[in-house]
Amino acid sequence: QALTGTTATTIYRLEPGSHNLTLAKYGYKNYTSTVAVLSGQTTPVTANLISTTGNLSVTSDVSGAYLVVDNGAATGLLPKLITGLAEGKHTVKIIATGYVDYLTNITIIGGQQTQLSAASGKLSANSTPSGAAVYVNNVYKGSTPALISVINQGTYFVSISAIGYANYSTNATVLPGETKNIFATLVPTTGG
């Protein structure tokens, strides 16, 4: 026999023995337990429901950086605390004018707060000849010599190209506060 009610409650006239108990509340994981009921006694049950949402705290040393979660609208300037995110994987992007966007995936665990911190760095791209196009993660960022700001430490794919020359590409790892220097000697593709 299924009985329903709202906590806190006492259920009367249960037969002695084992009973399956399920507590359910929207936004929380169901609580399930087997309860032993003895004749003539009240069996107390205390349940701590675990939220199916979690929080995301994001910080960055980049002034004016914005946060975008799951390709939605910008949620505001950093630092930022986003509450009530559904449990599971989410795409997070940090954007700021003059910087290469930072894109990552995070996992939210119900009832917990996930921390994300982005520390900026720079890529310095130079070439012979100068004036070559610079691409970072396949996005055009200017011509050499170029100083390119990145929102987060990590590895970036850098390509430098000029008409009549073979493309130069490399993976550059930037550490927080570092300026990573890249120099490309472009090789002509024709005799001169």
Protein backbone atom coordinates (compact mmCIF):
# COMPACT_ATOMS: atom_id res chain seq x y z
CA GLN A 1 0.00 0.00 0.00
CA ALA A 2 1.46 3.37 -1.02
CA LEU A 3 1.02 6.27 1.38
CA THR A 4 1.85 9.85 0.53
CA GLY A 5 2.30 12.93 2.65
CA THR A 6 4.53 15.90 3.31
CA THR A 7 7.40 15.88 5.80
CA ALA A 8 7.50 16.16 8.76
CA THR A 9 4.82 13.56 9.28
CA THR A 10 3.97 10.45 11.23
CA ILE A 11 2.39 7.51 9.45
CA TYR A 12 0.10 5.47 11.71
CA ARG A 13 -1.18 1.87 11.54
CA LEU A 14 1.73 0.37 9.63
CA GLU A 15 2.17 -3.36 9.94
CA PRO A 16 5.33 -4.39 11.81
CA GLY A 17 8.19 -5.36 9.47
CA SER A 18 10.29 -3.81 6.74
CA HIS A 19 8.88 -0.99 4.64
CA ASN A 20 10.41 0.82 1.67
CA LEU A 21 10.48 4.59 2.10
CA THR A 22 11.00 7.06 -0.73
CA LEU A 23 11.16 10.81 -0.19
CA ALA A 24 10.97 12.98 -3.30
CA LYS A 25 11.25 16.72 -3.78
CA TYR A 26 11.71 18.64 -7.00
CA GLY A 27 15.34 19.76 -7.40
CA TYR A 28 16.66 16.98 -5.15
CA LYS A 29 17.69 13.36 -5.59
CA ASN A 30 15.14 10.86 -4.31
CA TYR A 31 15.92 9.45 -0.89
CA THR A 32 15.20 5.73 -0.61
CA SER A 33 15.54 3.58 2.50
CA THR A 34 14.21 0.40 4.06
CA VAL A 35 12.71 1.10 7.49
CA ALA A 36 12.12 -1.55 10.14
CA VAL A 37 8.86 -0.87 11.98
CA LEU A 38 8.35 -2.52 15.38
CA SER A 39 4.95 -3.14 16.94
CA GLY A 40 3.79 -0.30 19.19
CA GLN A 41 6.84 1.92 18.49
CA THR A 42 7.53 5.01 16.42
CA THR A 43 10.57 4.67 14.14
CA PRO A 44 12.14 8.05 13.42
CA VAL A 45 13.69 8.62 9.98
CA THR A 46 15.95 11.56 9.22
CA ALA A 47 16.86 12.15 5.59
CA ASN A 48 19.28 14.66 4.12
CA LEU A 49 18.15 15.32 0.57
CA ILE A 50 20.93 16.07 -1.92
CA SER A 51 20.35 18.85 -4.40
CA THR A 52 20.45 18.03 -8.12
CA THR A 53 21.87 21.50 -8.76
CA GLY A 54 25.21 22.97 -7.88
CA ASN A 55 27.04 26.27 -7.98
CA LEU A 56 29.86 27.61 -10.15
CA SER A 57 32.30 30.23 -8.87
CA VAL A 58 34.45 31.86 -11.57
CA THR A 59 37.31 34.31 -11.11
CA SER A 60 39.86 35.87 -13.44
CA ASP A 61 42.61 38.47 -13.26
CA VAL A 62 41.29 39.98 -16.51
CA SER A 63 39.45 43.25 -15.91
CA GLY A 64 36.12 43.41 -17.71
CA ALA A 65 35.87 39.65 -18.37
CA TYR A 66 32.41 38.15 -18.86
CA LEU A 67 31.15 34.63 -18.27
CA VAL A 68 29.00 32.62 -20.72
CA VAL A 69 27.55 29.24 -19.66
CA ASP A 70 26.24 26.68 -22.17
CA ASN A 71 26.41 29.15 -25.07
CA GLY A 72 23.76 31.35 -23.48
CA ALA A 73 23.87 35.08 -22.88
CA ALA A 74 26.73 36.60 -20.91
CA THR A 75 25.92 36.27 -17.22
CA GLY A 76 27.90 39.29 -16.04
CA LEU A 77 31.31 40.52 -15.06
CA LEU A 78 33.74 38.33 -13.15
CA PRO A 79 34.11 37.39 -10.37
CA LYS A 80 30.76 35.61 -10.60
CA LEU A 81 28.84 32.99 -8.64
CA ILE A 82 26.21 31.12 -10.63
CA THR A 83 23.77 29.16 -8.46
CA GLY A 84 21.31 26.43 -9.37
CA LEU A 85 23.15 24.91 -12.35
CA ALA A 86 21.86 21.48 -13.27
CA GLU A 87 24.07 18.58 -12.30
CA GLY A 88 26.27 17.39 -15.19
CA LYS A 89 28.59 18.77 -17.85
CA HIS A 90 28.52 22.43 -18.91
CA THR A 91 30.46 24.53 -21.41
CA VAL A 92 32.00 27.67 -19.92
CA LYS A 93 33.45 30.56 -21.91
CA ILE A 94 35.24 33.60 -20.53
CA ILE A 95 35.36 36.55 -22.92
CA ALA A 96 37.02 39.96 -22.73
CA THR A 97 37.75 42.63 -25.29
CA GLY A 98 41.28 42.29 -26.66
CA TYR A 99 41.75 38.71 -25.39
CA VAL A 100 41.53 35.25 -26.92
CA ASP A 101 38.37 33.64 -25.49
CA TYR A 102 38.82 30.87 -22.93
CA LEU A 103 36.57 27.86 -23.49
CA THR A 104 36.41 24.83 -21.19
CA ASN A 105 34.06 22.12 -19.96
CA ILE A 106 33.21 21.70 -16.29
CA THR A 107 31.16 19.18 -14.34
CA ILE A 108 28.64 20.36 -11.76
CA ILE A 109 27.95 18.00 -8.86
CA GLY A 110 24.68 18.41 -7.00
CA GLY A 111 24.98 20.15 -3.66
CA GLN A 112 28.55 21.29 -4.34
CA GLN A 113 30.35 24.39 -5.60
CA THR A 114 32.77 24.11 -8.52
CA GLN A 115 35.64 26.62 -8.70
CA LEU A 116 37.12 27.93 -11.97
CA SER A 117 39.94 30.44 -12.04
CA ALA A 118 41.45 31.90 -15.20
CA ALA A 119 44.85 33.64 -15.05
CA SER A 120 45.93 35.66 -18.09
CA GLY A 121 49.10 35.52 -20.14
CA LYS A 122 50.37 36.75 -23.51
CA LEU A 123 51.65 35.44 -26.81
CA SER A 124 54.30 37.54 -28.59
CA ALA A 125 54.39 36.61 -32.29
CA ASN A 126 57.18 37.83 -34.57
CA SER A 127 58.32 36.75 -38.00
CA THR A 128 60.77 37.31 -40.81
CA PRO A 129 59.41 38.87 -42.91
CA SER A 130 57.21 40.97 -40.61
CA GLY A 131 53.60 41.74 -41.48
CA ALA A 132 52.56 38.07 -41.59
CA ALA A 133 49.04 37.13 -40.46
CA VAL A 134 48.77 35.61 -36.97
CA TYR A 135 46.03 33.14 -36.05
CA VAL A 136 45.44 31.80 -32.54
CA ASN A 137 43.19 28.73 -32.36
CA ASN A 138 42.29 29.48 -36.01
CA VAL A 139 41.08 33.03 -35.23
CA TYR A 140 42.85 35.97 -36.91
CA LYS A 141 44.57 38.16 -34.29
CA GLY A 142 46.59 40.65 -36.37
CA SER A 143 49.95 40.85 -38.13
CA THR A 144 53.50 40.36 -36.89
CA PRO A 145 54.83 41.78 -34.71
CA ALA A 146 51.81 41.07 -32.49
CA LEU A 147 51.25 40.90 -28.75
CA ILE A 148 48.16 38.79 -28.07
CA SER A 149 46.50 38.53 -24.67
CA VAL A 150 44.99 35.20 -23.60
CA ILE A 151 42.53 34.80 -20.74
CA ASN A 152 43.81 31.51 -19.38
CA GLN A 153 46.98 29.51 -19.13
CA GLY A 154 47.07 26.63 -21.50
CA THR A 155 48.18 25.49 -24.92
CA TYR A 156 47.20 27.51 -27.96
CA PHE A 157 47.56 26.61 -31.64
CA VAL A 158 49.41 29.48 -33.36
CA SER A 159 49.74 29.82 -37.13
CA ILE A 160 51.73 32.54 -38.93
CA SER A 161 51.35 32.98 -42.68
CA ALA A 162 52.19 35.33 -45.53
CA ILE A 163 51.50 35.16 -49.26
CA GLY A 164 54.37 33.46 -51.06
CA TYR A 165 55.66 31.75 -47.92
CA ALA A 166 55.06 28.37 -46.30
CA ASN A 167 52.80 28.54 -43.24
CA TYR A 168 54.41 28.24 -39.83
CA SER A 169 52.44 26.64 -37.01
CA THR A 170 53.15 25.57 -33.46
CA ASN A 171 51.48 24.81 -30.15
CA ALA A 172 52.43 27.42 -27.56
CA THR A 173 51.90 26.82 -23.85
CA VAL A 174 51.26 29.99 -21.84
CA LEU A 175 51.66 30.07 -18.06
CA PRO A 176 49.92 32.61 -15.78
CA GLY A 177 51.51 36.04 -16.11
CA GLU A 178 53.92 34.79 -18.78
CA THR A 179 54.64 36.23 -22.21
CA LYS A 180 55.35 33.30 -24.54
CA ASN A 181 57.61 34.37 -27.43
CA ILE A 182 57.10 32.83 -30.86
CA PHE A 183 59.41 33.62 -33.76
CA ALA A 184 58.79 32.28 -37.25
CA THR A 185 61.32 32.46 -40.07
CA LEU A 186 58.98 32.06 -43.03
CA VAL A 187 60.38 30.10 -45.98
CA PRO A 188 59.53 31.27 -49.52
CA THR A 189 57.42 28.78 -51.49
CA THR A 190 58.86 29.96 -54.81
CA GLY A 191 62.33 30.94 -55.95
CA GLY A 192 62.20 34.39 -54.47
